[in-house]
Amino acid sequence: MAEKIYTKNAPDAIGPYSQAVVTGNLVFTSGQIAINPASGAVEAKTIEEQTHQVCKNLSAVLEEAGSSLDKAVKTVCFLADMGDFAAFNEVYGQYFTNKPARSCVAVKTLPKNVLVEVDVVAEK
């Protein structure tokens, strides 16, 4: 059975799901958005600020699971506006230096009207 992961250093789930689950040697995170875990609110306004917060949230979840962004093998990225792709990419590249496989798509709307959401599959 999969182990459910929880850390107070990332936002609480805003629905009936876990921050991440571990099965075998893999960690599957839920999508993270730019909620600041200290305040429980979306404080970041720009795509760059939101991407930094998302990556910090993902890092905290992966750390709790015994992994890290360096062990990411696949990410799925959702952007509210593909016009933000270059700015998103610039920040994303600062965190995912190992260059995991990735999908990046534009979506109509994201939870709490954020600009970006990212989920990760990583090795433990």
PDB file of N, CA and C in Angstrom:
ATOM      1  N   MET A   1       0.835  -1.188   0.000  1.00  0.00           N
ATOM      2  CA  MET A   1       0.000   0.000   0.000  1.00  0.00           C
ATOM      3  C   MET A   1       0.881   1.253   0.000  1.00  0.00           C
ATOM      4  N   ALA A   2       0.439   2.283  -0.663  1.00  0.00           N
ATOM      5  CA  ALA A   2       1.190   3.527  -0.765  1.00  0.00           C
ATOM      6  C   ALA A   2       1.204   4.258   0.576  1.00  0.00           C
ATOM      7  N   GLU A   3       2.355   4.861   0.872  1.00  0.00           N
ATOM      8  CA  GLU A   3       2.514   5.667   2.080  1.00  0.00           C
ATOM      9  C   GLU A   3       2.104   7.101   1.755  1.00  0.00           C
ATOM     10  N   LYS A   4       1.231   7.677   2.564  1.00  0.00           N
ATOM     11  CA  LYS A   4       0.804   9.058   2.358  1.00  0.00           C
ATOM     12  C   LYS A   4       1.806   9.995   3.021  1.00  0.00           C
ATOM     13  N   ILE A   5       2.128  11.086   2.353  1.00  0.00           N
ATOM     14  CA  ILE A   5       3.111  12.047   2.826  1.00  0.00           C
ATOM     15  C   ILE A   5       2.401  13.339   3.224  1.00  0.00           C
ATOM     16  N   TYR A   6       2.821  13.887   4.369  1.00  0.00           N
ATOM     17  CA  TYR A   6       2.313  15.188   4.817  1.00  0.00           C
ATOM     18  C   TYR A   6       3.435  15.973   5.472  1.00  0.00           C
ATOM     19  N   THR A   7       3.541  17.256   5.142  1.00  0.00           N
ATOM     20  CA  THR A   7       4.441  18.172   5.827  1.00  0.00           C
ATOM     21  C   THR A   7       3.740  19.502   6.047  1.00  0.00           C
ATOM     22  N   LYS A   8       3.992  20.097   7.193  1.00  0.00           N
ATOM     23  CA  LYS A   8       3.447  21.425   7.475  1.00  0.00           C
ATOM     24  C   LYS A   8       4.208  22.506   6.705  1.00  0.00           C
ATOM     25  N   ASN A   9       5.320  22.127   6.069  1.00  0.00           N
ATOM     26  CA  ASN A   9       6.132  23.076   5.310  1.00  0.00           C
ATOM     27  C   ASN A   9       5.651  23.283   3.879  1.00  0.00           C
ATOM     28  N   ALA A  10       4.512  22.683   3.557  1.00  0.00           N
ATOM     29  CA  ALA A  10       3.842  22.884   2.269  1.00  0.00           C
ATOM     30  C   ALA A  10       2.360  23.074   2.570  1.00  0.00           C
ATOM     31  N   PRO A  11       1.620  23.652   1.654  1.00  0.00           N
ATOM     32  CA  PRO A  11       0.195  23.900   1.912  1.00  0.00           C
ATOM     33  C   PRO A  11      -0.578  22.606   2.143  1.00  0.00           C
ATOM     34  N   ASP A  12      -1.577  22.690   3.017  1.00  0.00           N
ATOM     35  CA  ASP A  12      -2.484  21.572   3.189  1.00  0.00           C
ATOM     36  C   ASP A  12      -3.235  21.328   1.884  1.00  0.00           C
ATOM     37  N   ALA A  13      -3.616  20.087   1.660  1.00  0.00           N
ATOM     38  CA  ALA A  13      -4.429  19.762   0.487  1.00  0.00           C
ATOM     39  C   ALA A  13      -5.738  20.541   0.561  1.00  0.00           C
ATOM     40  N   ILE A  14      -6.204  21.037  -0.578  1.00  0.00           N
ATOM     41  CA  ILE A  14      -7.465  21.787  -0.597  1.00  0.00           C
ATOM     42  C   ILE A  14      -8.609  20.911  -1.104  1.00  0.00           C
ATOM     43  N   GLY A  15      -8.417  19.611  -1.006  1.00  0.00           N
ATOM     44  CA  GLY A  15      -9.433  18.658  -1.417  1.00  0.00           C
ATOM     45  C   GLY A  15      -9.112  17.298  -0.825  1.00  0.00           C
ATOM     46  N   PRO A  16      -9.835  16.273  -1.251  1.00  0.00           N
ATOM     47  CA  PRO A  16      -9.641  14.922  -0.705  1.00  0.00           C
ATOM     48  C   PRO A  16      -8.473  14.196  -1.363  1.00  0.00           C
ATOM     49  N   TYR A  17      -7.264  14.658  -1.085  1.00  0.00           N
ATOM     50  CA  TYR A  17      -6.059  14.042  -1.644  1.00  0.00           C
ATOM     51  C   TYR A  17      -4.890  14.285  -0.696  1.00  0.00           C
ATOM     52  N   SER A  18      -3.790  13.586  -0.925  1.00  0.00           N
ATOM     53  CA  SER A  18      -2.580  13.725  -0.134  1.00  0.00           C
ATOM     54  C   SER A  18      -1.601  14.658  -0.839  1.00  0.00           C
ATOM     55  N   GLN A  19      -0.688  15.257  -0.073  1.00  0.00           N
ATOM     56  CA  GLN A  19       0.352  16.081  -0.686  1.00  0.00           C
ATOM     57  C   GLN A  19       1.211  15.230  -1.619  1.00  0.00           C
ATOM     58  N   ALA A  20       1.423  13.971  -1.225  1.00  0.00           N
ATOM     59  CA  ALA A  20       2.184  13.030  -2.053  1.00  0.00           C
ATOM     60  C   ALA A  20       1.929  11.626  -1.535  1.00  0.00           C
ATOM     61  N   VAL A  21       2.270  10.661  -2.371  1.00  0.00           N
ATOM     62  CA  VAL A  21       2.265   9.256  -1.946  1.00  0.00           C
ATOM     63  C   VAL A  21       3.561   8.620  -2.432  1.00  0.00           C
ATOM     64  N   VAL A  22       4.034   7.663  -1.629  1.00  0.00           N
ATOM     65  CA  VAL A  22       5.222   6.901  -1.987  1.00  0.00           C
ATOM     66  C   VAL A  22       4.787   5.475  -2.225  1.00  0.00           C
ATOM     67  N   THR A  23       5.191   4.923  -3.354  1.00  0.00           N
ATOM     68  CA  THR A  23       4.967   3.511  -3.625  1.00  0.00           C
ATOM     69  C   THR A  23       6.253   2.971  -4.241  1.00  0.00           C
ATOM     70  N   GLY A  24       6.733   1.894  -3.679  1.00  0.00           N
ATOM     71  CA  GLY A  24       8.017   1.371  -4.130  1.00  0.00           C
ATOM     72  C   GLY A  24       9.095   2.416  -3.933  1.00  0.00           C
ATOM     73  N   ASN A  25       9.839   2.688  -4.990  1.00  0.00           N
ATOM     74  CA  ASN A  25      10.936   3.653  -4.930  1.00  0.00           C
ATOM     75  C   ASN A  25      10.558   4.998  -5.560  1.00  0.00           C
ATOM     76  N   LEU A  26       9.246   5.232  -5.749  1.00  0.00           N
ATOM     77  CA  LEU A  26       8.808   6.457  -6.406  1.00  0.00           C
ATOM     78  C   LEU A  26       7.928   7.312  -5.497  1.00  0.00           C
ATOM     79  N   VAL A  27       8.089   8.620  -5.641  1.00  0.00           N
ATOM     80  CA  VAL A  27       7.256   9.607  -4.949  1.00  0.00           C
ATOM     81  C   VAL A  27       6.418  10.312  -6.007  1.00  0.00           C
ATOM     82  N   PHE A  28       5.122  10.345  -5.807  1.00  0.00           N
ATOM     83  CA  PHE A  28       4.196  11.040  -6.699  1.00  0.00           C
ATOM     84  C   PHE A  28       3.603  12.205  -5.918  1.00  0.00           C
ATOM     85  N   THR A  29       3.939  13.424  -6.303  1.00  0.00           N
ATOM     86  CA  THR A  29       3.355  14.569  -5.610  1.00  0.00           C
ATOM     87  C   THR A  29       2.028  14.935  -6.261  1.00  0.00           C
ATOM     88  N   SER A  30       1.172  15.524  -5.464  1.00  0.00           N
ATOM     89  CA  SER A  30      -0.005  16.174  -6.033  1.00  0.00           C
ATOM     90  C   SER A  30       0.455  17.499  -6.607  1.00  0.00           C
ATOM     91  N   GLY A  31      -0.350  18.074  -7.450  1.00  0.00           N
ATOM     92  CA  GLY A  31      -0.008  19.378  -8.001  1.00  0.00           C
ATOM     93  C   GLY A  31       0.111  20.402  -6.892  1.00  0.00           C
ATOM     94  N   GLN A  32       1.152  21.198  -6.955  1.00  0.00           N
ATOM     95  CA  GLN A  32       1.339  22.275  -5.986  1.00  0.00           C
ATOM     96  C   GLN A  32       1.093  23.602  -6.677  1.00  0.00           C
ATOM     97  N   ILE A  33       0.406  24.478  -5.957  1.00  0.00           N
ATOM     98  CA  ILE A  33       0.178  25.841  -6.427  1.00  0.00           C
ATOM     99  C   ILE A  33       0.887  26.795  -5.476  1.00  0.00           C
ATOM    100  N   ALA A  34       0.796  28.073  -5.737  1.00  0.00           N
ATOM    101  CA  ALA A  34       1.601  29.075  -5.023  1.00  0.00           C
ATOM    102  C   ALA A  34       0.986  29.521  -3.702  1.00  0.00           C
ATOM    103  N   ILE A  35       0.501  28.586  -2.915  1.00  0.00           N
ATOM    104  CA  ILE A  35       0.018  28.917  -1.574  1.00  0.00           C
ATOM    105  C   ILE A  35       1.220  28.953  -0.643  1.00  0.00           C
ATOM    106  N   ASN A  36       1.351  30.021   0.118  1.00  0.00           N
ATOM    107  CA  ASN A  36       2.387  30.120   1.132  1.00  0.00           C
ATOM    108  C   ASN A  36       1.912  29.305   2.332  1.00  0.00           C
ATOM    109  N   PRO A  37       2.644  28.255   2.735  1.00  0.00           N
ATOM    110  CA  PRO A  37       2.165  27.411   3.830  1.00  0.00           C
ATOM    111  C   PRO A  37       2.071  28.145   5.165  1.00  0.00           C
ATOM    112  N   ALA A  38       2.852  29.202   5.358  1.00  0.00           N
ATOM    113  CA  ALA A  38       2.806  29.957   6.611  1.00  0.00           C
ATOM    114  C   ALA A  38       1.493  30.716   6.771  1.00  0.00           C
ATOM    115  N   SER A  39       0.988  31.258   5.667  1.00  0.00           N
ATOM    116  CA  SER A  39      -0.235  32.058   5.736  1.00  0.00           C
ATOM    117  C   SER A  39      -1.466  31.317   5.228  1.00  0.00           C
ATOM    118  N   GLY A  40      -1.245  30.272   4.423  1.00  0.00           N
ATOM    119  CA  GLY A  40      -2.367  29.562   3.815  1.00  0.00           C
ATOM    120  C   GLY A  40      -3.004  30.327   2.669  1.00  0.00           C
ATOM    121  N   ALA A  41      -2.302  31.346   2.172  1.00  0.00           N
ATOM    122  CA  ALA A  41      -2.863  32.194   1.115  1.00  0.00           C
ATOM    123  C   ALA A  41      -1.910  32.271  -0.071  1.00  0.00           C
ATOM    124  N   VAL A  42      -2.473  32.661  -1.207  1.00  0.00           N
ATOM    125  CA  VAL A  42      -1.667  32.947  -2.391  1.00  0.00           C
ATOM    126  C   VAL A  42      -1.232  34.401  -2.269  1.00  0.00           C
ATOM    127  N   GLU A  43       0.051  34.596  -2.003  1.00  0.00           N
ATOM    128  CA  GLU A  43       0.577  35.953  -1.834  1.00  0.00           C
ATOM    129  C   GLU A  43       1.317  36.432  -3.070  1.00  0.00           C
ATOM    130  N   ALA A  44       1.952  35.513  -3.782  1.00  0.00           N
ATOM    131  CA  ALA A  44       2.739  35.852  -4.967  1.00  0.00           C
ATOM    132  C   ALA A  44       1.810  36.270  -6.103  1.00  0.00           C
ATOM    133  N   LYS A  45       2.192  37.301  -6.808  1.00  0.00           N
ATOM    134  CA  LYS A  45       1.344  37.834  -7.888  1.00  0.00           C
ATOM    135  C   LYS A  45       1.860  37.502  -9.284  1.00  0.00           C
ATOM    136  N   THR A  46       3.178  37.532  -9.485  1.00  0.00           N
ATOM    137  CA  THR A  46       3.726  37.330 -10.831  1.00  0.00           C
ATOM    138  C   THR A  46       3.984  35.843 -11.077  1.00  0.00           C
ATOM    139  N   ILE A  47       4.138  35.480 -12.337  1.00  0.00           N
ATOM    140  CA  ILE A  47       4.447  34.092 -12.683  1.00  0.00           C
ATOM    141  C   ILE A  47       5.774  33.673 -12.061  1.00  0.00           C
ATOM    142  N   GLU A  48       6.744  34.576 -12.036  1.00  0.00           N
ATOM    143  CA  GLU A  48       8.037  34.251 -11.431  1.00  0.00           C
ATOM    144  C   GLU A  48       7.895  33.977  -9.940  1.00  0.00           C
ATOM    145  N   GLU A  49       7.214  34.853  -9.225  1.00  0.00           N
ATOM    146  CA  GLU A  49       7.014  34.673  -7.779  1.00  0.00           C
ATOM    147  C   GLU A  49       6.231  33.397  -7.496  1.00  0.00           C
ATOM    148  N   GLN A  50       5.197  33.148  -8.286  1.00  0.00           N
ATOM    149  CA  GLN A  50       4.387  31.946  -8.065  1.00  0.00           C
ATOM    150  C   GLN A  50       5.196  30.686  -8.359  1.00  0.00           C
ATOM    151  N   THR A  51       6.024  30.708  -9.395  1.00  0.00           N
ATOM    152  CA  THR A  51       6.825  29.528  -9.716  1.00  0.00           C
ATOM    153  C   THR A  51       7.826  29.244  -8.601  1.00  0.00           C
ATOM    154  N   HIS A  52       8.443  30.279  -8.047  1.00  0.00           N
ATOM    155  CA  HIS A  52       9.339  30.083  -6.900  1.00  0.00           C
ATOM    156  C   HIS A  52       8.589  29.413  -5.748  1.00  0.00           C
ATOM    157  N   GLN A  53       7.394  29.897  -5.429  1.00  0.00           N
ATOM    158  CA  GLN A  53       6.634  29.322  -4.307  1.00  0.00           C
ATOM    159  C   GLN A  53       6.241  27.874  -4.594  1.00  0.00           C
ATOM    160  N   VAL A  54       5.813  27.600  -5.803  1.00  0.00           N
ATOM    161  CA  VAL A  54       5.453  26.233  -6.187  1.00  0.00           C
ATOM    162  C   VAL A  54       6.662  25.308  -6.009  1.00  0.00           C
ATOM    163  N   CYS A  55       7.820  25.733  -6.467  1.00  0.00           N
ATOM    164  CA  CYS A  55       9.021  24.891  -6.357  1.00  0.00           C
ATOM    165  C   CYS A  55       9.436  24.699  -4.909  1.00  0.00           C
ATOM    166  N   LYS A  56       9.289  25.712  -4.082  1.00  0.00           N
ATOM    167  CA  LYS A  56       9.571  25.575  -2.645  1.00  0.00           C
ATOM    168  C   LYS A  56       8.604  24.574  -2.017  1.00  0.00           C
ATOM    169  N   ASN A  57       7.336  24.650  -2.389  1.00  0.00           N
ATOM    170  CA  ASN A  57       6.340  23.711  -1.858  1.00  0.00           C
ATOM    171  C   ASN A  57       6.668  22.280  -2.277  1.00  0.00           C
ATOM    172  N   LEU A  58       6.998  22.101  -3.550  1.00  0.00           N
ATOM    173  CA  LEU A  58       7.355  20.765  -4.040  1.00  0.00           C
ATOM    174  C   LEU A  58       8.592  20.237  -3.336  1.00  0.00           C
ATOM    175  N   SER A  59       9.572  21.089  -3.135  1.00  0.00           N
ATOM    176  CA  SER A  59      10.797  20.691  -2.447  1.00  0.00           C
ATOM    177  C   SER A  59      10.491  20.205  -1.031  1.00  0.00           C
ATOM    178  N   ALA A  60       9.617  20.905  -0.317  1.00  0.00           N
ATOM    179  CA  ALA A  60       9.254  20.520   1.051  1.00  0.00           C
ATOM    180  C   ALA A  60       8.550  19.166   1.080  1.00  0.00           C
ATOM    181  N   VAL A  61       7.652  18.944   0.136  1.00  0.00           N
ATOM    182  CA  VAL A  61       6.926  17.667   0.080  1.00  0.00           C
ATOM    183  C   VAL A  61       7.896  16.534  -0.246  1.00  0.00           C
ATOM    184  N   LEU A  62       8.740  16.740  -1.236  1.00  0.00           N
ATOM    185  CA  LEU A  62       9.698  15.701  -1.604  1.00  0.00           C
ATOM    186  C   LEU A  62      10.676  15.414  -0.468  1.00  0.00           C
ATOM    187  N   GLU A  63      11.127  16.440   0.224  1.00  0.00           N
ATOM    188  CA  GLU A  63      12.029  16.241   1.360  1.00  0.00           C
ATOM    189  C   GLU A  63      11.364  15.379   2.433  1.00  0.00           C
ATOM    190  N   GLU A  64      10.113  15.658   2.725  1.00  0.00           N
ATOM    191  CA  GLU A  64       9.383  14.863   3.722  1.00  0.00           C
ATOM    192  C   GLU A  64       9.291  13.397   3.295  1.00  0.00           C
ATOM    193  N   ALA A  65       9.252  13.160   2.000  1.00  0.00           N
ATOM    194  CA  ALA A  65       9.156  11.797   1.462  1.00  0.00           C
ATOM    195  C   ALA A  65      10.520  11.127   1.320  1.00  0.00           C
ATOM    196  N   GLY A  66      11.582  11.836   1.667  1.00  0.00           N
ATOM    197  CA  GLY A  66      12.923  11.268   1.535  1.00  0.00           C
ATOM    198  C   GLY A  66      13.505  11.414   0.144  1.00  0.00           C
ATOM    199  N   SER A  67      13.067  12.433  -0.581  1.00  0.00           N
ATOM    200  CA  SER A  67      13.525  12.658  -1.945  1.00  0.00           C
ATOM    201  C   SER A  67      13.914  14.122  -2.098  1.00  0.00           C
ATOM    202  N   SER A  68      14.047  14.567  -3.327  1.00  0.00           N
ATOM    203  CA  SER A  68      14.394  15.966  -3.589  1.00  0.00           C
ATOM    204  C   SER A  68      14.087  16.299  -5.047  1.00  0.00           C
ATOM    205  N   LEU A  69      14.142  17.583  -5.361  1.00  0.00           N
ATOM    206  CA  LEU A  69      13.940  18.005  -6.751  1.00  0.00           C
ATOM    207  C   LEU A  69      15.003  17.400  -7.663  1.00  0.00           C
ATOM    208  N   ASP A  70      16.210  17.163  -7.140  1.00  0.00           N
ATOM    209  CA  ASP A  70      17.284  16.566  -7.933  1.00  0.00           C
ATOM    210  C   ASP A  70      16.977  15.135  -8.360  1.00  0.00           C
ATOM    211  N   LYS A  71      16.030  14.497  -7.686  1.00  0.00           N
ATOM    212  CA  LYS A  71      15.673  13.115  -8.000  1.00  0.00           C
ATOM    213  C   LYS A  71      14.412  13.027  -8.861  1.00  0.00           C
ATOM    214  N   ALA A  72      13.918  14.189  -9.317  1.00  0.00           N
ATOM    215  CA  ALA A  72      12.724  14.216 -10.167  1.00  0.00           C
ATOM    216  C   ALA A  72      13.002  13.510 -11.488  1.00  0.00           C
ATOM    217  N   VAL A  73      12.050  12.683 -11.924  1.00  0.00           N
ATOM    218  CA  VAL A  73      12.178  12.019 -13.220  1.00  0.00           C
ATOM    219  C   VAL A  73      11.132  12.521 -14.218  1.00  0.00           C
ATOM    220  N   LYS A  74      10.053  13.140 -13.717  1.00  0.00           N
ATOM    221  CA  LYS A  74       8.988  13.634 -14.596  1.00  0.00           C
ATOM    222  C   LYS A  74       8.232  14.745 -13.886  1.00  0.00           C
ATOM    223  N   THR A  75       7.954  15.804 -14.600  1.00  0.00           N
ATOM    224  CA  THR A  75       7.075  16.852 -14.069  1.00  0.00           C
ATOM    225  C   THR A  75       5.954  17.096 -15.071  1.00  0.00           C
ATOM    226  N   VAL A  76       4.838  17.551 -14.546  1.00  0.00           N
ATOM    227  CA  VAL A  76       3.736  18.014 -15.380  1.00  0.00           C
ATOM    228  C   VAL A  76       3.433  19.434 -14.910  1.00  0.00           C
ATOM    229  N   CYS A  77       3.477  20.372 -15.841  1.00  0.00           N
ATOM    230  CA  CYS A  77       3.328  21.791 -15.529  1.00  0.00           C
ATOM    231  C   CYS A  77       2.077  22.330 -16.227  1.00  0.00           C
ATOM    232  N   PHE A  78       1.310  23.086 -15.472  1.00  0.00           N
ATOM    233  CA  PHE A  78       0.082  23.680 -15.978  1.00  0.00           C
ATOM    234  C   PHE A  78       0.207  25.196 -15.872  1.00  0.00           C
ATOM    235  N   LEU A  79       0.011  25.887 -16.965  1.00  0.00           N
ATOM    236  CA  LEU A  79       0.072  27.348 -16.992  1.00  0.00           C
ATOM    237  C   LEU A  79      -1.288  27.913 -17.363  1.00  0.00           C
ATOM    238  N   ALA A  80      -1.685  28.971 -16.684  1.00  0.00           N
ATOM    239  CA  ALA A  80      -2.941  29.630 -17.020  1.00  0.00           C
ATOM    240  C   ALA A  80      -2.817  30.410 -18.320  1.00  0.00           C
ATOM    241  N   ASP A  81      -1.590  30.763 -18.689  1.00  0.00           N
ATOM    242  CA  ASP A  81      -1.349  31.533 -19.910  1.00  0.00           C
ATOM    243  C   ASP A  81      -0.016  31.099 -20.515  1.00  0.00           C
ATOM    244  N   MET A  82      -0.041  30.513 -21.687  1.00  0.00           N
ATOM    245  CA  MET A  82       1.188  30.054 -22.319  1.00  0.00           C
ATOM    246  C   MET A  82       2.117  31.227 -22.651  1.00  0.00           C
ATOM    247  N   GLY A  83       1.597  32.430 -22.602  1.00  0.00           N
ATOM    248  CA  GLY A  83       2.439  33.615 -22.753  1.00  0.00           C
ATOM    249  C   GLY A  83       3.443  33.752 -21.612  1.00  0.00           C
ATOM    250  N   ASP A  84       3.211  33.053 -20.499  1.00  0.00           N
ATOM    251  CA  ASP A  84       4.124  33.063 -19.352  1.00  0.00           C
ATOM    252  C   ASP A  84       5.204  31.992 -19.456  1.00  0.00           C
ATOM    253  N   PHE A  85       5.213  31.236 -20.563  1.00  0.00           N
ATOM    254  CA  PHE A  85       6.111  30.081 -20.675  1.00  0.00           C
ATOM    255  C   PHE A  85       7.581  30.436 -20.464  1.00  0.00           C
ATOM    256  N   ALA A  86       8.074  31.472 -21.101  1.00  0.00           N
ATOM    257  CA  ALA A  86       9.495  31.825 -20.992  1.00  0.00           C
ATOM    258  C   ALA A  86       9.863  32.222 -19.565  1.00  0.00           C
ATOM    259  N   ALA A  87       9.034  33.036 -18.929  1.00  0.00           N
ATOM    260  CA  ALA A  87       9.308  33.462 -17.551  1.00  0.00           C
ATOM    261  C   ALA A  87       9.226  32.270 -16.595  1.00  0.00           C
ATOM    262  N   PHE A  88       8.231  31.408 -16.793  1.00  0.00           N
ATOM    263  CA  PHE A  88       8.109  30.193 -15.989  1.00  0.00           C
ATOM    264  C   PHE A  88       9.350  29.330 -16.157  1.00  0.00           C
ATOM    265  N   ASN A  89       9.757  29.122 -17.396  1.00  0.00           N
ATOM    266  CA  ASN A  89      10.913  28.278 -17.715  1.00  0.00           C
ATOM    267  C   ASN A  89      12.181  28.770 -17.031  1.00  0.00           C
ATOM    268  N   GLU A  90      12.356  30.078 -17.007  1.00  0.00           N
ATOM    269  CA  GLU A  90      13.546  30.675 -16.389  1.00  0.00           C
ATOM    270  C   GLU A  90      13.646  30.290 -14.910  1.00  0.00           C
ATOM    271  N   VAL A  91      12.552  30.388 -14.187  1.00  0.00           N
ATOM    272  CA  VAL A  91      12.547  30.043 -12.755  1.00  0.00           C
ATOM    273  C   VAL A  91      12.599  28.528 -12.573  1.00  0.00           C
ATOM    274  N   TYR A  92      11.795  27.799 -13.323  1.00  0.00           N
ATOM    275  CA  TYR A  92      11.755  26.336 -13.240  1.00  0.00           C
ATOM    276  C   TYR A  92      13.166  25.759 -13.391  1.00  0.00           C
ATOM    277  N   GLY A  93      13.935  26.275 -14.345  1.00  0.00           N
ATOM    278  CA  GLY A  93      15.279  25.785 -14.608  1.00  0.00           C
ATOM    279  C   GLY A  93      16.243  25.985 -13.448  1.00  0.00           C
ATOM    280  N   GLN A  94      15.971  26.934 -12.568  1.00  0.00           N
ATOM    281  CA  GLN A  94      16.793  27.157 -11.387  1.00  0.00           C
ATOM    282  C   GLN A  94      16.624  26.026 -10.366  1.00  0.00           C
ATOM    283  N   TYR A  95      15.479  25.382 -10.373  1.00  0.00           N
ATOM    284  CA  TYR A  95      15.164  24.339  -9.392  1.00  0.00           C
ATOM    285  C   TYR A  95      15.375  22.929  -9.953  1.00  0.00           C
ATOM    286  N   PHE A  96      15.019  22.718 -11.199  1.00  0.00           N
ATOM    287  CA  PHE A  96      15.107  21.388 -11.812  1.00  0.00           C
ATOM    288  C   PHE A  96      16.346  21.324 -12.696  1.00  0.00           C
ATOM    289  N   THR A  97      17.496  21.366 -12.056  1.00  0.00           N
ATOM    290  CA  THR A  97      18.766  21.408 -12.785  1.00  0.00           C
ATOM    291  C   THR A  97      19.123  20.073 -13.430  1.00  0.00           C
ATOM    292  N   ASN A  98      18.491  18.992 -12.980  1.00  0.00           N
ATOM    293  CA  ASN A  98      18.762  17.666 -13.574  1.00  0.00           C
ATOM    294  C   ASN A  98      17.941  17.421 -14.840  1.00  0.00           C
ATOM    295  N   LYS A  99      17.101  18.363 -15.201  1.00  0.00           N
ATOM    296  CA  LYS A  99      16.298  18.320 -16.425  1.00  0.00           C
ATOM    297  C   LYS A  99      15.477  17.032 -16.573  1.00  0.00           C
ATOM    298  N   PRO A 100      14.480  16.836 -15.674  1.00  0.00           N
ATOM    299  CA  PRO A 100      13.622  15.651 -15.809  1.00  0.00           C
ATOM    300  C   PRO A 100      12.742  15.760 -17.059  1.00  0.00           C
ATOM    301  N   ALA A 101      12.148  14.637 -17.440  1.00  0.00           N
ATOM    302  CA  ALA A 101      11.147  14.676 -18.514  1.00  0.00           C
ATOM    303  C   ALA A 101      10.024  15.616 -18.057  1.00  0.00           C
ATOM    304  N   ARG A 102       9.360  16.274 -19.017  1.00  0.00           N
ATOM    305  CA  ARG A 102       8.358  17.267 -18.625  1.00  0.00           C
ATOM    306  C   ARG A 102       7.281  17.414 -19.688  1.00  0.00           C
ATOM    307  N   SER A 103       6.077  17.659 -19.205  1.00  0.00           N
ATOM    308  CA  SER A 103       4.984  18.112 -20.048  1.00  0.00           C
ATOM    309  C   SER A 103       4.583  19.476 -19.529  1.00  0.00           C
ATOM    310  N   CYS A 104       4.213  20.387 -20.419  1.00  0.00           N
ATOM    311  CA  CYS A 104       3.771  21.718 -20.015  1.00  0.00           C
ATOM    312  C   CYS A 104       2.597  22.106 -20.897  1.00  0.00           C
ATOM    313  N   VAL A 105       1.463  22.363 -20.266  1.00  0.00           N
ATOM    314  CA  VAL A 105       0.255  22.677 -21.017  1.00  0.00           C
ATOM    315  C   VAL A 105      -0.422  23.918 -20.455  1.00  0.00           C
ATOM    316  N   ALA A 106      -1.148  24.603 -21.306  1.00  0.00           N
ATOM    317  CA  ALA A 106      -1.978  25.721 -20.870  1.00  0.00           C
ATOM    318  C   ALA A 106      -3.360  25.182 -20.531  1.00  0.00           C
ATOM    319  N   VAL A 107      -3.924  25.713 -19.470  1.00  0.00           N
ATOM    320  CA  VAL A 107      -5.262  25.311 -19.032  1.00  0.00           C
ATOM    321  C   VAL A 107      -6.118  26.563 -18.873  1.00  0.00           C
ATOM    322  N   LYS A 108      -7.416  26.364 -18.859  1.00  0.00           N
ATOM    323  CA  LYS A 108      -8.321  27.500 -18.770  1.00  0.00           C
ATOM    324  C   LYS A 108      -8.248  28.183 -17.409  1.00  0.00           C
ATOM    325  N   THR A 109      -8.291  27.401 -16.334  1.00  0.00           N
ATOM    326  CA  THR A 109      -8.289  27.950 -14.984  1.00  0.00           C
ATOM    327  C   THR A 109      -7.605  26.976 -14.040  1.00  0.00           C
ATOM    328  N   LEU A 110      -6.909  27.507 -13.053  1.00  0.00           N
ATOM    329  CA  LEU A 110      -6.282  26.698 -12.017  1.00  0.00           C
ATOM    330  C   LEU A 110      -6.912  27.027 -10.658  1.00  0.00           C
ATOM    331  N   PRO A 111      -6.778  26.126  -9.681  1.00  0.00           N
ATOM    332  CA  PRO A 111      -7.356  26.401  -8.362  1.00  0.00           C
ATOM    333  C   PRO A 111      -6.890  27.749  -7.809  1.00  0.00           C
ATOM    334  N   LYS A 112      -7.800  28.440  -7.158  1.00  0.00           N
ATOM    335  CA  LYS A 112      -7.527  29.750  -6.554  1.00  0.00           C
ATOM    336  C   LYS A 112      -7.023  30.772  -7.569  1.00  0.00           C
ATOM    337  N   ASN A 113      -7.301  30.520  -8.840  1.00  0.00           N
ATOM    338  CA  ASN A 113      -6.924  31.420  -9.939  1.00  0.00           C
ATOM    339  C   ASN A 113      -5.428  31.723  -9.995  1.00  0.00           C
ATOM    340  N   VAL A 114      -4.607  30.739  -9.607  1.00  0.00           N
ATOM    341  CA  VAL A 114      -3.156  30.914  -9.695  1.00  0.00           C
ATOM    342  C   VAL A 114      -2.720  30.831 -11.153  1.00  0.00           C
ATOM    343  N   LEU A 115      -1.464  31.157 -11.385  1.00  0.00           N
ATOM    344  CA  LEU A 115      -0.919  31.178 -12.734  1.00  0.00           C
ATOM    345  C   LEU A 115      -0.228  29.891 -13.130  1.00  0.00           C
ATOM    346  N   VAL A 116       0.165  29.057 -12.125  1.00  0.00           N
ATOM    347  CA  VAL A 116       0.949  27.860 -12.400  1.00  0.00           C
ATOM    348  C   VAL A 116       0.672  26.779 -11.366  1.00  0.00           C
ATOM    349  N   GLU A 117       0.730  25.534 -11.821  1.00  0.00           N
ATOM    350  CA  GLU A 117       0.653  24.362 -10.961  1.00  0.00           C
ATOM    351  C   GLU A 117       1.638  23.327 -11.525  1.00  0.00           C
ATOM    352  N   VAL A 118       2.336  22.627 -10.628  1.00  0.00           N
ATOM    353  CA  VAL A 118       3.310  21.621 -11.060  1.00  0.00           C
ATOM    354  C   VAL A 118       3.184  20.393 -10.174  1.00  0.00           C
ATOM    355  N   ASP A 119       3.244  19.217 -10.785  1.00  0.00           N
ATOM    356  CA  ASP A 119       3.371  17.984 -10.007  1.00  0.00           C
ATOM    357  C   ASP A 119       4.623  17.242 -10.457  1.00  0.00           C
ATOM    358  N   VAL A 120       5.124  16.367  -9.587  1.00  0.00           N
ATOM    359  CA  VAL A 120       6.414  15.712  -9.809  1.00  0.00           C
ATOM    360  C   VAL A 120       6.317  14.222  -9.508  1.00  0.00           C
ATOM    361  N   VAL A 121       7.026  13.429 -10.293  1.00  0.00           N
ATOM    362  CA  VAL A 121       7.336  12.047  -9.946  1.00  0.00           C
ATOM    363  C   VAL A 121       8.838  12.025  -9.730  1.00  0.00           C
ATOM    364  N   ALA A 122       9.256  11.499  -8.573  1.00  0.00           N
ATOM    365  CA  ALA A 122      10.683  11.468  -8.237  1.00  0.00           C
ATOM    366  C   ALA A 122      11.073  10.124  -7.659  1.00  0.00           C
ATOM    367  N   GLU A 123      12.340   9.785  -7.815  1.00  0.00           N
ATOM    368  CA  GLU A 123      12.864   8.604  -7.142  1.00  0.00           C
ATOM    369  C   GLU A 123      13.107   8.931  -5.678  1.00  0.00           C
ATOM    370  N   LYS A 124      13.008   7.925  -4.868  1.00  0.00           N
ATOM    371  CA  LYS A 124      13.229   8.115  -3.438  1.00  0.00           C
ATOM    372  C   LYS A 124      14.700   8.111  -3.128  1.00  0.00           C
TER     373      LYS A 124
END
